[in-house]
C-alpha atoms as a PDB file:
ATOM      1  CA  MET A   1      40.726  -5.441   2.547  1.00  0.00           C
ATOM      2  CA  SER A   2      37.743  -5.878   4.787  1.00  0.00           C
ATOM      3  CA  GLN A   3      34.422  -4.374   3.874  1.00  0.00           C
ATOM      4  CA  THR A   4      32.489  -2.649   6.601  1.00  0.00           C
ATOM      5  CA  GLU A   5      28.839  -3.516   6.619  1.00  0.00           C
ATOM      6  CA  GLU A   6      26.406  -0.598   6.546  1.00  0.00           C
ATOM      7  CA  VAL A   7      23.869  -0.255   9.303  1.00  0.00           C
ATOM      8  CA  PRO A   8      20.353  -0.701   7.839  1.00  0.00           C
ATOM      9  CA  PHE A   9      17.811   2.108   8.086  1.00  0.00           C
ATOM     10  CA  ARG A  10      15.318  -0.156   9.831  1.00  0.00           C
ATOM     11  CA  PRO A  11      15.768  -3.403  11.707  1.00  0.00           C
ATOM     12  CA  ARG A  12      15.240  -6.477   9.536  1.00  0.00           C
ATOM     13  CA  GLU A  13      12.350  -7.688  11.697  1.00  0.00           C
ATOM     14  CA  LYS A  14      10.386  -4.470  11.138  1.00  0.00           C
ATOM     15  CA  LEU A  15      11.035  -4.695   7.396  1.00  0.00           C
ATOM     16  CA  VAL A  16       9.817  -8.292   7.206  1.00  0.00           C
ATOM     17  CA  GLU A  17       6.759  -7.368   9.284  1.00  0.00           C
ATOM     18  CA  LYS A  18       5.872  -4.496   6.929  1.00  0.00           C
ATOM     19  CA  GLN A  19       6.434  -6.690   3.850  1.00  0.00           C
ATOM     20  CA  LYS A  20       4.069  -9.341   5.217  1.00  0.00           C
ATOM     21  CA  TYR A  21       1.465  -6.664   5.999  1.00  0.00           C
ATOM     22  CA  PHE A  22       1.567  -5.096   2.539  1.00  0.00           C
ATOM     23  CA  GLN A  23       1.655  -8.451   0.747  1.00  0.00           C
ATOM     24  CA  SER A  24      -1.392  -9.674   2.667  1.00  0.00           C
ATOM     25  CA  ILE A  25      -3.604  -6.752   1.550  1.00  0.00           C
ATOM     26  CA  HIS A  26      -5.492  -7.531  -1.646  1.00  0.00           C
ATOM     27  CA  LYS A  27      -5.928  -3.982  -2.931  1.00  0.00           C
ATOM     28  CA  HIS A  28      -4.325  -2.222  -5.858  1.00  0.00           C
ATOM     29  CA  THR A  29      -0.658  -1.444  -5.296  1.00  0.00           C
ATOM     30  CA  TYR A  30      -1.214   2.330  -5.255  1.00  0.00           C
ATOM     31  CA  LEU A  31      -3.879   2.132  -2.500  1.00  0.00           C
ATOM     32  CA  LYS A  32      -2.067   0.007   0.079  1.00  0.00           C
ATOM     33  CA  GLY A  33      -0.768   2.731   2.414  1.00  0.00           C
ATOM     34  CA  PRO A  34      -2.899   4.607   4.936  1.00  0.00           C
ATOM     35  CA  MET A  35      -2.639   7.994   3.172  1.00  0.00           C
ATOM     36  CA  ASP A  36      -2.753   6.652  -0.399  1.00  0.00           C
ATOM     37  CA  LYS A  37      -6.447   7.345  -0.926  1.00  0.00           C
ATOM     38  CA  ILE A  38      -5.725  11.063  -0.551  1.00  0.00           C
ATOM     39  CA  THR A  39      -2.765  11.179  -2.918  1.00  0.00           C
ATOM     40  CA  SER A  40      -4.014   8.691  -5.511  1.00  0.00           C
ATOM     41  CA  VAL A  41      -7.742   9.468  -5.577  1.00  0.00           C
ATOM     42  CA  ALA A  42      -8.731  12.756  -3.924  1.00  0.00           C
ATOM     43  CA  ILE A  43      -6.065  15.064  -5.373  1.00  0.00           C
ATOM     44  CA  PRO A  44      -6.460  13.869  -9.004  1.00  0.00           C
ATOM     45  CA  LEU A  45     -10.269  14.120  -8.699  1.00  0.00           C
ATOM     46  CA  ALA A  46      -9.974  17.650  -7.323  1.00  0.00           C
ATOM     47  CA  LEU A  47      -7.634  18.651 -10.155  1.00  0.00           C
ATOM     48  CA  ALA A  48      -9.895  17.115 -12.788  1.00  0.00           C
ATOM     49  CA  GLY A  49     -12.970  18.820 -11.312  1.00  0.00           C
ATOM     50  CA  THR A  50     -11.214  22.190 -11.215  1.00  0.00           C
ATOM     51  CA  CYS A  51     -10.014  21.792 -14.813  1.00  0.00           C
ATOM     52  CA  LEU A  52     -13.475  20.859 -16.055  1.00  0.00           C
ATOM     53  CA  PHE A  53     -15.002  23.841 -14.244  1.00  0.00           C
ATOM     54  CA  LEU A  54     -12.465  26.270 -15.705  1.00  0.00           C
ATOM     55  CA  ILE A  55     -12.845  24.842 -19.227  1.00  0.00           C
ATOM     56  CA  GLY A  56     -16.639  25.090 -18.951  1.00  0.00           C
ATOM     57  CA  ARG A  57     -16.415  28.653 -17.691  1.00  0.00           C
ATOM     58  CA  GLY A  58     -14.067  29.577 -20.537  1.00  0.00           C
ATOM     59  CA  ILE A  59     -16.371  28.099 -23.159  1.00  0.00           C
ATOM     60  CA  TYR A  60     -19.377  29.877 -21.605  1.00  0.00           C
ATOM     61  CA  ASN A  61     -17.525  33.206 -21.538  1.00  0.00           C
ATOM     62  CA  MET A  62     -16.361  32.822 -25.158  1.00  0.00           C
ATOM     63  CA  SER A  63     -19.821  31.939 -26.396  1.00  0.00           C
ATOM     64  CA  HIS A  64     -21.388  34.933 -24.651  1.00  0.00           C
ATOM     65  CA  GLY A  65     -18.580  37.406 -25.346  1.00  0.00           C
ATOM     66  CA  ILE A  66     -17.807  38.004 -21.669  1.00  0.00           C
ATOM     67  CA  GLY A  67     -14.401  39.308 -20.602  1.00  0.00           C
ATOM     68  CA  LYS A  68     -13.134  40.425 -24.004  1.00  0.00           C
ATOM     69  CA  LYS A  69     -10.265  42.899 -24.030  1.00  0.00           C
ATOM     70  CA  GLU A  70     -10.757  45.927 -26.257  1.00  0.00           C
END
C-alpha cells in the first residue's frame, strides 16, 4: 500500500516566512495580526461600554420609577 501525500494549503516557504514574521513580533499573542486590535480590543470595549450604559440607565429608571408597567 502506498500512501498518497496531501497537497498543503500553502507552500512551505510561505508558511516558514509567516512563522518567522509572527515569532519576531514582541507583542501579546492575541495582538499579532493586522486586524487583531479590532477583534481583541475595540469590540470588547464597545460591548462593555454598552453594558455599563444600559445597567446605569436601568438603575436610574428604577430609582426614579420611570417606565413601570401598571
